[in-house]
Amino acid sequence: MPQQSQSKRIFELERETLRALCIRASANARHETTMRDLSNHVWQDAEHRVVFEAIQRLSSSDPKLLREQLPAQTTRMGFPDVNWENYFLPAGKAEGDFDALVRDLLAAPKAKK
């Protein structure tokens, strides 16, 4: 697969994974092993890394609370300009099998820099 399309695929998998965490936080936060695996993932997009770290720091399982608290948390982390609609609009795989989505992300070959 060409490098550009592989990078785009990883970007999309990262975003869908974060959407799933934001939209279905209560169900997906219970996946402790999966969350640990994601914490070892090298996020290809800096914003994605920050959003994931903010989710971990807040450790809330209520999507409504996450939506209210994430912007302040990322601002405290030095990233005030996150487009939150990217993470709270249901779409694609975010509504599906979270574990399968994470497996796809972690299995995707990383693009060479």
PDB file of N, CA and C in Angstrom:
ATOM      1  N   MET A   1       0.855  -1.181   0.000  1.00  0.00           N
ATOM      2  CA  MET A   1       0.000   0.000   0.000  1.00  0.00           C
ATOM      3  C   MET A   1       0.898   1.240   0.000  1.00  0.00           C
ATOM      4  N   PRO A   2       0.615   2.200  -0.844  1.00  0.00           N
ATOM      5  CA  PRO A   2       1.437   3.410  -0.869  1.00  0.00           C
ATOM      6  C   PRO A   2       1.453   4.092   0.496  1.00  0.00           C
ATOM      7  N   GLN A   3       2.590   4.752   0.772  1.00  0.00           N
ATOM      8  CA  GLN A   3       2.783   5.370   2.084  1.00  0.00           C
ATOM      9  C   GLN A   3       1.687   6.375   2.429  1.00  0.00           C
ATOM     10  N   GLN A   4       1.284   7.219   1.467  1.00  0.00           N
ATOM     11  CA  GLN A   4       0.270   8.235   1.749  1.00  0.00           C
ATOM     12  C   GLN A   4      -1.057   7.601   2.142  1.00  0.00           C
ATOM     13  N   SER A   5      -1.485   6.581   1.422  1.00  0.00           N
ATOM     14  CA  SER A   5      -2.767   5.971   1.752  1.00  0.00           C
ATOM     15  C   SER A   5      -2.674   5.207   3.073  1.00  0.00           C
ATOM     16  N   GLN A   6      -1.516   4.631   3.397  1.00  0.00           N
ATOM     17  CA  GLN A   6      -1.346   3.963   4.680  1.00  0.00           C
ATOM     18  C   GLN A   6      -1.400   4.984   5.813  1.00  0.00           C
ATOM     19  N   SER A   7      -0.785   6.134   5.634  1.00  0.00           N
ATOM     20  CA  SER A   7      -0.845   7.196   6.641  1.00  0.00           C
ATOM     21  C   SER A   7      -2.273   7.670   6.843  1.00  0.00           C
ATOM     22  N   LYS A   8      -3.016   7.791   5.742  1.00  0.00           N
ATOM     23  CA  LYS A   8      -4.415   8.218   5.831  1.00  0.00           C
ATOM     24  C   LYS A   8      -5.243   7.168   6.560  1.00  0.00           C
ATOM     25  N   ARG A   9      -4.988   5.898   6.274  1.00  0.00           N
ATOM     26  CA  ARG A   9      -5.716   4.811   6.947  1.00  0.00           C
ATOM     27  C   ARG A   9      -5.452   4.853   8.453  1.00  0.00           C
ATOM     28  N   ILE A  10      -4.216   5.030   8.855  1.00  0.00           N
ATOM     29  CA  ILE A  10      -3.882   5.094  10.282  1.00  0.00           C
ATOM     30  C   ILE A  10      -4.553   6.306  10.915  1.00  0.00           C
ATOM     31  N   PHE A  11      -4.511   7.449  10.229  1.00  0.00           N
ATOM     32  CA  PHE A  11      -5.169   8.651  10.730  1.00  0.00           C
ATOM     33  C   PHE A  11      -6.650   8.378  10.986  1.00  0.00           C
ATOM     34  N   GLU A  12      -7.311   7.754  10.017  1.00  0.00           N
ATOM     35  CA  GLU A  12      -8.743   7.469  10.144  1.00  0.00           C
ATOM     36  C   GLU A  12      -9.027   6.455  11.249  1.00  0.00           C
ATOM     37  N   LEU A  13      -8.190   5.435  11.370  1.00  0.00           N
ATOM     38  CA  LEU A  13      -8.367   4.455  12.445  1.00  0.00           C
ATOM     39  C   LEU A  13      -8.185   5.105  13.816  1.00  0.00           C
ATOM     40  N   GLU A  14      -7.200   5.983  13.926  1.00  0.00           N
ATOM     41  CA  GLU A  14      -6.996   6.693  15.191  1.00  0.00           C
ATOM     42  C   GLU A  14      -8.222   7.530  15.535  1.00  0.00           C
ATOM     43  N   ARG A  15      -8.711   8.280  14.568  1.00  0.00           N
ATOM     44  CA  ARG A  15      -9.870   9.143  14.823  1.00  0.00           C
ATOM     45  C   ARG A  15     -11.102   8.325  15.181  1.00  0.00           C
ATOM     46  N   GLU A  16     -11.344   7.225  14.479  1.00  0.00           N
ATOM     47  CA  GLU A  16     -12.498   6.373  14.777  1.00  0.00           C
ATOM     48  C   GLU A  16     -12.370   5.759  16.170  1.00  0.00           C
ATOM     49  N   THR A  17     -11.179   5.389  16.559  1.00  0.00           N
ATOM     50  CA  THR A  17     -10.952   4.833  17.894  1.00  0.00           C
ATOM     51  C   THR A  17     -11.264   5.877  18.959  1.00  0.00           C
ATOM     52  N   LEU A  18     -10.804   7.097  18.751  1.00  0.00           N
ATOM     53  CA  LEU A  18     -11.068   8.169  19.712  1.00  0.00           C
ATOM     54  C   LEU A  18     -12.554   8.514  19.742  1.00  0.00           C
ATOM     55  N   ARG A  19     -13.207   8.501  18.591  1.00  0.00           N
ATOM     56  CA  ARG A  19     -14.658   8.726  18.552  1.00  0.00           C
ATOM     57  C   ARG A  19     -15.373   7.686  19.396  1.00  0.00           C
ATOM     58  N   ALA A  20     -14.972   6.443  19.217  1.00  0.00           N
ATOM     59  CA  ALA A  20     -15.602   5.367  19.978  1.00  0.00           C
ATOM     60  C   ALA A  20     -15.401   5.572  21.476  1.00  0.00           C
ATOM     61  N   LEU A  21     -14.235   6.043  21.859  1.00  0.00           N
ATOM     62  CA  LEU A  21     -13.988   6.313  23.275  1.00  0.00           C
ATOM     63  C   LEU A  21     -14.841   7.468  23.779  1.00  0.00           C
ATOM     64  N   CYS A  22     -15.013   8.481  22.971  1.00  0.00           N
ATOM     65  CA  CYS A  22     -15.796   9.650  23.386  1.00  0.00           C
ATOM     66  C   CYS A  22     -17.298   9.366  23.372  1.00  0.00           C
ATOM     67  N   ILE A  23     -17.781   8.690  22.349  1.00  0.00           N
ATOM     68  CA  ILE A  23     -19.207   8.464  22.175  1.00  0.00           C
ATOM     69  C   ILE A  23     -19.725   7.365  23.096  1.00  0.00           C
ATOM     70  N   ARG A  24     -18.949   6.320  23.242  1.00  0.00           N
ATOM     71  CA  ARG A  24     -19.399   5.166  24.031  1.00  0.00           C
ATOM     72  C   ARG A  24     -18.442   4.931  25.186  1.00  0.00           C
ATOM     73  N   ALA A  25     -18.130   5.994  25.885  1.00  0.00           N
ATOM     74  CA  ALA A  25     -17.122   5.927  26.942  1.00  0.00           C
ATOM     75  C   ALA A  25     -17.428   4.878  27.990  1.00  0.00           C
ATOM     76  N   SER A  26     -18.663   4.785  28.418  1.00  0.00           N
ATOM     77  CA  SER A  26     -18.991   3.858  29.505  1.00  0.00           C
ATOM     78  C   SER A  26     -18.734   2.412  29.098  1.00  0.00           C
ATOM     79  N   ALA A  27     -19.059   2.059  27.874  1.00  0.00           N
ATOM     80  CA  ALA A  27     -18.843   0.685  27.421  1.00  0.00           C
ATOM     81  C   ALA A  27     -17.373   0.423  27.124  1.00  0.00           C
ATOM     82  N   ASN A  28     -16.713   1.360  26.474  1.00  0.00           N
ATOM     83  CA  ASN A  28     -15.350   1.130  26.016  1.00  0.00           C
ATOM     84  C   ASN A  28     -14.306   1.320  27.102  1.00  0.00           C
ATOM     85  N   ALA A  29     -14.584   2.123  28.104  1.00  0.00           N
ATOM     86  CA  ALA A  29     -13.624   2.351  29.181  1.00  0.00           C
ATOM     87  C   ALA A  29     -13.405   1.094  30.007  1.00  0.00           C
ATOM     88  N   ARG A  30     -14.334   0.148  29.938  1.00  0.00           N
ATOM     89  CA  ARG A  30     -14.192  -1.098  30.700  1.00  0.00           C
ATOM     90  C   ARG A  30     -13.175  -2.042  30.071  1.00  0.00           C
ATOM     91  N   HIS A  31     -12.696  -1.727  28.899  1.00  0.00           N
ATOM     92  CA  HIS A  31     -11.729  -2.570  28.204  1.00  0.00           C
ATOM     93  C   HIS A  31     -10.317  -2.205  28.682  1.00  0.00           C
ATOM     94  N   GLU A  32      -9.965  -2.626  29.895  1.00  0.00           N
ATOM     95  CA  GLU A  32      -8.689  -2.209  30.486  1.00  0.00           C
ATOM     96  C   GLU A  32      -7.486  -2.640  29.654  1.00  0.00           C
ATOM     97  N   THR A  33      -7.498  -3.864  29.159  1.00  0.00           N
ATOM     98  CA  THR A  33      -6.375  -4.346  28.358  1.00  0.00           C
ATOM     99  C   THR A  33      -6.255  -3.532  27.079  1.00  0.00           C
ATOM    100  N   THR A  34      -7.387  -3.261  26.461  1.00  0.00           N
ATOM    101  CA  THR A  34      -7.389  -2.476  25.227  1.00  0.00           C
ATOM    102  C   THR A  34      -6.870  -1.072  25.490  1.00  0.00           C
ATOM    103  N   MET A  35      -7.294  -0.467  26.582  1.00  0.00           N
ATOM    104  CA  MET A  35      -6.817   0.878  26.918  1.00  0.00           C
ATOM    105  C   MET A  35      -5.313   0.864  27.174  1.00  0.00           C
ATOM    106  N   ARG A  36      -4.824  -0.179  27.812  1.00  0.00           N
ATOM    107  CA  ARG A  36      -3.380  -0.295  28.057  1.00  0.00           C
ATOM    108  C   ARG A  36      -2.641  -0.424  26.721  1.00  0.00           C
ATOM    109  N   ASP A  37      -3.191  -1.232  25.807  1.00  0.00           N
ATOM    110  CA  ASP A  37      -2.583  -1.365  24.479  1.00  0.00           C
ATOM    111  C   ASP A  37      -2.557  -0.022  23.755  1.00  0.00           C
ATOM    112  N   LEU A  38      -3.655   0.724  23.858  1.00  0.00           N
ATOM    113  CA  LEU A  38      -3.696   2.037  23.209  1.00  0.00           C
ATOM    114  C   LEU A  38      -2.698   3.008  23.837  1.00  0.00           C
ATOM    115  N   SER A  39      -2.458   2.884  25.119  1.00  0.00           N
ATOM    116  CA  SER A  39      -1.495   3.796  25.752  1.00  0.00           C
ATOM    117  C   SER A  39      -0.079   3.533  25.257  1.00  0.00           C
ATOM    118  N   ASN A  40       0.171   2.343  24.711  1.00  0.00           N
ATOM    119  CA  ASN A  40       1.484   2.024  24.139  1.00  0.00           C
ATOM    120  C   ASN A  40       1.567   2.343  22.646  1.00  0.00           C
ATOM    121  N   HIS A  41       0.431   2.695  22.052  1.00  0.00           N
ATOM    122  CA  HIS A  41       0.389   3.040  20.620  1.00  0.00           C
ATOM    123  C   HIS A  41       1.112   4.368  20.388  1.00  0.00           C
ATOM    124  N   VAL A  42       1.896   4.445  19.330  1.00  0.00           N
ATOM    125  CA  VAL A  42       2.539   5.701  18.943  1.00  0.00           C
ATOM    126  C   VAL A  42       1.573   6.412  18.000  1.00  0.00           C
ATOM    127  N   TRP A  43       0.872   7.407  18.537  1.00  0.00           N
ATOM    128  CA  TRP A  43      -0.143   8.125  17.770  1.00  0.00           C
ATOM    129  C   TRP A  43       0.523   8.896  16.643  1.00  0.00           C
ATOM    130  N   GLN A  44       0.032   8.723  15.432  1.00  0.00           N
ATOM    131  CA  GLN A  44       0.611   9.366  14.253  1.00  0.00           C
ATOM    132  C   GLN A  44       0.230  10.838  14.156  1.00  0.00           C
ATOM    133  N   ASP A  45      -0.883  11.208  14.767  1.00  0.00           N
ATOM    134  CA  ASP A  45      -1.353  12.588  14.739  1.00  0.00           C
ATOM    135  C   ASP A  45      -1.238  13.169  16.154  1.00  0.00           C
ATOM    136  N   ALA A  46      -0.599  14.325  16.279  1.00  0.00           N
ATOM    137  CA  ALA A  46      -0.379  14.931  17.596  1.00  0.00           C
ATOM    138  C   ALA A  46      -1.694  15.231  18.316  1.00  0.00           C
ATOM    139  N   GLU A  47      -2.692  15.707  17.589  1.00  0.00           N
ATOM    140  CA  GLU A  47      -3.978  15.987  18.216  1.00  0.00           C
ATOM    141  C   GLU A  47      -4.598  14.701  18.764  1.00  0.00           C
ATOM    142  N   HIS A  48      -4.483  13.613  18.020  1.00  0.00           N
ATOM    143  CA  HIS A  48      -5.024  12.343  18.485  1.00  0.00           C
ATOM    144  C   HIS A  48      -4.343  11.911  19.781  1.00  0.00           C
ATOM    145  N   ARG A  49      -3.027  12.086  19.835  1.00  0.00           N
ATOM    146  CA  ARG A  49      -2.286  11.733  21.051  1.00  0.00           C
ATOM    147  C   ARG A  49      -2.786  12.536  22.236  1.00  0.00           C
ATOM    148  N   VAL A  50      -2.977  13.826  22.038  1.00  0.00           N
ATOM    149  CA  VAL A  50      -3.433  14.704  23.114  1.00  0.00           C
ATOM    150  C   VAL A  50      -4.843  14.329  23.560  1.00  0.00           C
ATOM    151  N   VAL A  51      -5.731  14.055  22.620  1.00  0.00           N
ATOM    152  CA  VAL A  51      -7.101  13.675  22.972  1.00  0.00           C
ATOM    153  C   VAL A  51      -7.086  12.380  23.777  1.00  0.00           C
ATOM    154  N   PHE A  52      -6.304  11.395  23.353  1.00  0.00           N
ATOM    155  CA  PHE A  52      -6.235  10.139  24.095  1.00  0.00           C
ATOM    156  C   PHE A  52      -5.689  10.363  25.506  1.00  0.00           C
ATOM    157  N   GLU A  53      -4.623  11.140  25.622  1.00  0.00           N
ATOM    158  CA  GLU A  53      -4.056  11.412  26.950  1.00  0.00           C
ATOM    159  C   GLU A  53      -5.059  12.149  27.841  1.00  0.00           C
ATOM    160  N   ALA A  54      -5.817  13.055  27.259  1.00  0.00           N
ATOM    161  CA  ALA A  54      -6.834  13.777  28.037  1.00  0.00           C
ATOM    162  C   ALA A  54      -7.931  12.821  28.509  1.00  0.00           C
ATOM    163  N   ILE A  55      -8.342  11.908  27.643  1.00  0.00           N
ATOM    164  CA  ILE A  55      -9.345  10.913  28.033  1.00  0.00           C
ATOM    165  C   ILE A  55      -8.818  10.087  29.200  1.00  0.00           C
ATOM    166  N   GLN A  56      -7.575   9.664  29.111  1.00  0.00           N
ATOM    167  CA  GLN A  56      -6.982   8.875  30.189  1.00  0.00           C
ATOM    168  C   GLN A  56      -6.929   9.675  31.497  1.00  0.00           C
ATOM    169  N   ARG A  57      -6.542  10.914  31.413  1.00  0.00           N
ATOM    170  CA  ARG A  57      -6.422  11.739  32.618  1.00  0.00           C
ATOM    171  C   ARG A  57      -7.773  11.963  33.285  1.00  0.00           C
ATOM    172  N   LEU A  58      -8.800  12.119  32.483  1.00  0.00           N
ATOM    173  CA  LEU A  58     -10.128  12.358  33.047  1.00  0.00           C
ATOM    174  C   LEU A  58     -10.754  11.077  33.567  1.00  0.00           C
ATOM    175  N   SER A  59     -10.448   9.992  32.949  1.00  0.00           N
ATOM    176  CA  SER A  59     -10.972   8.663  33.309  1.00  0.00           C
ATOM    177  C   SER A  59     -12.466   8.670  33.650  1.00  0.00           C
ATOM    178  N   SER A  60     -13.230   9.425  32.901  1.00  0.00           N
ATOM    179  CA  SER A  60     -14.678   9.452  33.078  1.00  0.00           C
ATOM    180  C   SER A  60     -15.305   8.433  32.138  1.00  0.00           C
ATOM    181  N   SER A  61     -16.346   7.775  32.592  1.00  0.00           N
ATOM    182  CA  SER A  61     -17.049   6.829  31.727  1.00  0.00           C
ATOM    183  C   SER A  61     -18.383   7.405  31.246  1.00  0.00           C
ATOM    184  N   ASP A  62     -18.588   8.681  31.471  1.00  0.00           N
ATOM    185  CA  ASP A  62     -19.829   9.342  31.061  1.00  0.00           C
ATOM    186  C   ASP A  62     -19.535  10.236  29.856  1.00  0.00           C
ATOM    187  N   PRO A  63     -20.084   9.894  28.676  1.00  0.00           N
ATOM    188  CA  PRO A  63     -19.811  10.702  27.477  1.00  0.00           C
ATOM    189  C   PRO A  63     -20.177  12.176  27.650  1.00  0.00           C
ATOM    190  N   LYS A  64     -21.237  12.456  28.386  1.00  0.00           N
ATOM    191  CA  LYS A  64     -21.640  13.853  28.591  1.00  0.00           C
ATOM    192  C   LYS A  64     -20.574  14.606  29.385  1.00  0.00           C
ATOM    193  N   LEU A  65     -20.052  13.990  30.427  1.00  0.00           N
ATOM    194  CA  LEU A  65     -18.982  14.625  31.209  1.00  0.00           C
ATOM    195  C   LEU A  65     -17.716  14.792  30.383  1.00  0.00           C
ATOM    196  N   LEU A  66     -17.393  13.769  29.590  1.00  0.00           N
ATOM    197  CA  LEU A  66     -16.214  13.893  28.721  1.00  0.00           C
ATOM    198  C   LEU A  66     -16.363  15.083  27.795  1.00  0.00           C
ATOM    199  N   ARG A  67     -17.532  15.211  27.180  1.00  0.00           N
ATOM    200  CA  ARG A  67     -17.762  16.316  26.246  1.00  0.00           C
ATOM    201  C   ARG A  67     -17.591  17.667  26.937  1.00  0.00           C
ATOM    202  N   GLU A  68     -18.009  17.741  28.187  1.00  0.00           N
ATOM    203  CA  GLU A  68     -17.883  18.991  28.944  1.00  0.00           C
ATOM    204  C   GLU A  68     -16.451  19.235  29.419  1.00  0.00           C
ATOM    205  N   GLN A  69     -15.726  18.187  29.790  1.00  0.00           N
ATOM    206  CA  GLN A  69     -14.429  18.347  30.442  1.00  0.00           C
ATOM    207  C   GLN A  69     -13.216  18.250  29.521  1.00  0.00           C
ATOM    208  N   LEU A  70     -13.354  17.550  28.404  1.00  0.00           N
ATOM    209  CA  LEU A  70     -12.198  17.378  27.518  1.00  0.00           C
ATOM    210  C   LEU A  70     -11.619  18.691  26.999  1.00  0.00           C
ATOM    211  N   PRO A  71     -12.426  19.653  26.554  1.00  0.00           N
ATOM    212  CA  PRO A  71     -11.827  20.901  26.066  1.00  0.00           C
ATOM    213  C   PRO A  71     -10.961  21.601  27.127  1.00  0.00           C
ATOM    214  N   ALA A  72     -11.432  21.637  28.351  1.00  0.00           N
ATOM    215  CA  ALA A  72     -10.639  22.269  29.413  1.00  0.00           C
ATOM    216  C   ALA A  72      -9.366  21.469  29.683  1.00  0.00           C
ATOM    217  N   GLN A  73      -9.484  20.139  29.663  1.00  0.00           N
ATOM    218  CA  GLN A  73      -8.310  19.304  29.921  1.00  0.00           C
ATOM    219  C   GLN A  73      -7.247  19.496  28.846  1.00  0.00           C
ATOM    220  N   THR A  74      -7.642  19.502  27.573  1.00  0.00           N
ATOM    221  CA  THR A  74      -6.640  19.677  26.518  1.00  0.00           C
ATOM    222  C   THR A  74      -6.062  21.089  26.527  1.00  0.00           C
ATOM    223  N   THR A  75      -6.854  22.067  26.941  1.00  0.00           N
ATOM    224  CA  THR A  75      -6.336  23.431  27.074  1.00  0.00           C
ATOM    225  C   THR A  75      -5.263  23.476  28.162  1.00  0.00           C
ATOM    226  N   ARG A  76      -5.515  22.810  29.288  1.00  0.00           N
ATOM    227  CA  ARG A  76      -4.508  22.747  30.355  1.00  0.00           C
ATOM    228  C   ARG A  76      -3.245  22.049  29.877  1.00  0.00           C
ATOM    229  N   MET A  77      -3.403  21.153  28.903  1.00  0.00           N
ATOM    230  CA  MET A  77      -2.259  20.428  28.355  1.00  0.00           C
ATOM    231  C   MET A  77      -1.554  21.234  27.255  1.00  0.00           C
ATOM    232  N   GLY A  78      -2.090  22.414  26.934  1.00  0.00           N
ATOM    233  CA  GLY A  78      -1.461  23.276  25.935  1.00  0.00           C
ATOM    234  C   GLY A  78      -2.037  23.144  24.535  1.00  0.00           C
ATOM    235  N   PHE A  79      -3.201  22.520  24.396  1.00  0.00           N
ATOM    236  CA  PHE A  79      -3.827  22.321  23.090  1.00  0.00           C
ATOM    237  C   PHE A  79      -5.270  22.824  23.113  1.00  0.00           C
ATOM    238  N   PRO A  80      -5.473  24.138  23.014  1.00  0.00           N
ATOM    239  CA  PRO A  80      -6.831  24.689  23.106  1.00  0.00           C
ATOM    240  C   PRO A  80      -7.651  24.575  21.821  1.00  0.00           C
ATOM    241  N   ASP A  81      -7.033  24.273  20.698  1.00  0.00           N
ATOM    242  CA  ASP A  81      -7.724  24.354  19.408  1.00  0.00           C
ATOM    243  C   ASP A  81      -8.125  23.000  18.822  1.00  0.00           C
ATOM    244  N   VAL A  82      -8.619  22.111  19.634  1.00  0.00           N
ATOM    245  CA  VAL A  82      -9.076  20.808  19.153  1.00  0.00           C
ATOM    246  C   VAL A  82     -10.492  20.961  18.595  1.00  0.00           C
ATOM    247  N   ASN A  83     -10.733  20.392  17.431  1.00  0.00           N
ATOM    248  CA  ASN A  83     -12.074  20.408  16.839  1.00  0.00           C
ATOM    249  C   ASN A  83     -12.854  19.229  17.416  1.00  0.00           C
ATOM    250  N   TRP A  84     -13.626  19.463  18.450  1.00  0.00           N
ATOM    251  CA  TRP A  84     -14.303  18.399  19.183  1.00  0.00           C
ATOM    252  C   TRP A  84     -15.390  17.713  18.381  1.00  0.00           C
ATOM    253  N   GLU A  85     -15.924  18.369  17.373  1.00  0.00           N
ATOM    254  CA  GLU A  85     -16.935  17.714  16.532  1.00  0.00           C
ATOM    255  C   GLU A  85     -16.356  16.472  15.864  1.00  0.00           C
ATOM    256  N   ASN A  86     -15.056  16.450  15.618  1.00  0.00           N
ATOM    257  CA  ASN A  86     -14.420  15.265  15.025  1.00  0.00           C
ATOM    258  C   ASN A  86     -14.541  14.051  15.924  1.00  0.00           C
ATOM    259  N   TYR A  87     -14.721  14.269  17.212  1.00  0.00           N
ATOM    260  CA  TYR A  87     -14.693  13.173  18.171  1.00  0.00           C
ATOM    261  C   TYR A  87     -16.057  12.822  18.756  1.00  0.00           C
ATOM    262  N   PHE A  88     -17.032  13.702  18.594  1.00  0.00           N
ATOM    263  CA  PHE A  88     -18.336  13.451  19.180  1.00  0.00           C
ATOM    264  C   PHE A  88     -19.451  13.235  18.166  1.00  0.00           C
ATOM    265  N   LEU A  89     -19.148  13.307  16.899  1.00  0.00           N
ATOM    266  CA  LEU A  89     -20.150  12.994  15.880  1.00  0.00           C
ATOM    267  C   LEU A  89     -20.096  11.503  15.587  1.00  0.00           C
ATOM    268  N   PRO A  90     -21.193  10.783  15.804  1.00  0.00           N
ATOM    269  CA  PRO A  90     -21.165   9.353  15.508  1.00  0.00           C
ATOM    270  C   PRO A  90     -20.999   9.119  14.009  1.00  0.00           C
ATOM    271  N   ALA A  91     -20.137   8.201  13.694  1.00  0.00           N
ATOM    272  CA  ALA A  91     -19.932   7.864  12.291  1.00  0.00           C
ATOM    273  C   ALA A  91     -19.084   6.612  12.198  1.00  0.00           C
ATOM    274  N   GLY A  92     -19.246   5.910  11.137  1.00  0.00           N
ATOM    275  CA  GLY A  92     -18.374   4.795  10.807  1.00  0.00           C
ATOM    276  C   GLY A  92     -18.260   3.742  11.897  1.00  0.00           C
ATOM    277  N   LYS A  93     -17.047   3.300  12.097  1.00  0.00           N
ATOM    278  CA  LYS A  93     -16.766   2.190  12.991  1.00  0.00           C
ATOM    279  C   LYS A  93     -16.948   2.548  14.462  1.00  0.00           C
ATOM    280  N   ALA A  94     -17.057   3.820  14.795  1.00  0.00           N
ATOM    281  CA  ALA A  94     -17.204   4.226  16.196  1.00  0.00           C
ATOM    282  C   ALA A  94     -18.437   3.599  16.822  1.00  0.00           C
ATOM    283  N   GLU A  95     -19.422   3.259  16.010  1.00  0.00           N
ATOM    284  CA  GLU A  95     -20.640   2.646  16.515  1.00  0.00           C
ATOM    285  C   GLU A  95     -20.526   1.129  16.575  1.00  0.00           C
ATOM    286  N   GLY A  96     -19.452   0.574  16.063  1.00  0.00           N
ATOM    287  CA  GLY A  96     -19.323  -0.874  15.962  1.00  0.00           C
ATOM    288  C   GLY A  96     -18.498  -1.486  17.077  1.00  0.00           C
ATOM    289  N   ASP A  97     -17.756  -2.532  16.737  1.00  0.00           N
ATOM    290  CA  ASP A  97     -16.964  -3.322  17.662  1.00  0.00           C
ATOM    291  C   ASP A  97     -15.673  -2.593  18.016  1.00  0.00           C
ATOM    292  N   PHE A  98     -15.619  -2.080  19.239  1.00  0.00           N
ATOM    293  CA  PHE A  98     -14.468  -1.305  19.695  1.00  0.00           C
ATOM    294  C   PHE A  98     -13.188  -2.130  19.674  1.00  0.00           C
ATOM    295  N   ASP A  99     -13.247  -3.352  20.169  1.00  0.00           N
ATOM    296  CA  ASP A  99     -12.045  -4.188  20.201  1.00  0.00           C
ATOM    297  C   ASP A  99     -11.502  -4.448  18.797  1.00  0.00           C
ATOM    298  N   ALA A 100     -12.396  -4.686  17.832  1.00  0.00           N
ATOM    299  CA  ALA A 100     -11.961  -4.916  16.452  1.00  0.00           C
ATOM    300  C   ALA A 100     -11.328  -3.654  15.873  1.00  0.00           C
ATOM    301  N   LEU A 101     -11.891  -2.521  16.179  1.00  0.00           N
ATOM    302  CA  LEU A 101     -11.347  -1.242  15.706  1.00  0.00           C
ATOM    303  C   LEU A 101      -9.930  -1.042  16.248  1.00  0.00           C
ATOM    304  N   VAL A 102      -9.743  -1.302  17.518  1.00  0.00           N
ATOM    305  CA  VAL A 102      -8.420  -1.146  18.130  1.00  0.00           C
ATOM    306  C   VAL A 102      -7.436  -2.164  17.545  1.00  0.00           C
ATOM    307  N   ARG A 103      -7.878  -3.393  17.334  1.00  0.00           N
ATOM    308  CA  ARG A 103      -6.997  -4.402  16.714  1.00  0.00           C
ATOM    309  C   ARG A 103      -6.545  -3.939  15.338  1.00  0.00           C
ATOM    310  N   ASP A 104      -7.473  -3.371  14.550  1.00  0.00           N
ATOM    311  CA  ASP A 104      -7.114  -2.856  13.217  1.00  0.00           C
ATOM    312  C   ASP A 104      -6.073  -1.754  13.328  1.00  0.00           C
ATOM    313  N   LEU A 105      -6.274  -0.853  14.282  1.00  0.00           N
ATOM    314  CA  LEU A 105      -5.323   0.247  14.468  1.00  0.00           C
ATOM    315  C   LEU A 105      -3.953  -0.271  14.861  1.00  0.00           C
ATOM    316  N   LEU A 106      -3.905  -1.143  15.835  1.00  0.00           N
ATOM    317  CA  LEU A 106      -2.616  -1.627  16.337  1.00  0.00           C
ATOM    318  C   LEU A 106      -1.908  -2.530  15.337  1.00  0.00           C
ATOM    319  N   ALA A 107      -2.667  -3.155  14.438  1.00  0.00           N
ATOM    320  CA  ALA A 107      -2.091  -4.038  13.436  1.00  0.00           C
ATOM    321  C   ALA A 107      -1.649  -3.297  12.164  1.00  0.00           C
ATOM    322  N   ALA A 108      -2.104  -2.062  12.014  1.00  0.00           N
ATOM    323  CA  ALA A 108      -1.768  -1.309  10.787  1.00  0.00           C
ATOM    324  C   ALA A 108      -0.274  -1.018  10.762  1.00  0.00           C
ATOM    325  N   PRO A 109       0.371  -1.358   9.629  1.00  0.00           N
ATOM    326  CA  PRO A 109       1.798  -1.051   9.527  1.00  0.00           C
ATOM    327  C   PRO A 109       2.028   0.451   9.587  1.00  0.00           C
ATOM    328  N   LYS A 110       2.994   0.850  10.346  1.00  0.00           N
ATOM    329  CA  LYS A 110       3.285   2.281  10.498  1.00  0.00           C
ATOM    330  C   LYS A 110       4.023   2.791   9.266  1.00  0.00           C
ATOM    331  N   ALA A 111       3.655   3.991   8.849  1.00  0.00           N
ATOM    332  CA  ALA A 111       4.311   4.630   7.714  1.00  0.00           C
ATOM    333  C   ALA A 111       5.716   5.023   8.099  1.00  0.00           C
ATOM    334  N   LYS A 112       6.633   4.846   7.197  1.00  0.00           N
ATOM    335  CA  LYS A 112       8.023   5.254   7.452  1.00  0.00           C
ATOM    336  C   LYS A 112       8.137   6.751   7.330  1.00  0.00           C
ATOM    337  N   LYS A 113       8.917   7.342   8.220  1.00  0.00           N
ATOM    338  CA  LYS A 113       9.066   8.795   8.196  1.00  0.00           C
ATOM    339  C   LYS A 113      10.320   9.187   7.487  1.00  0.00           C
TER     340      LYS A 113
END
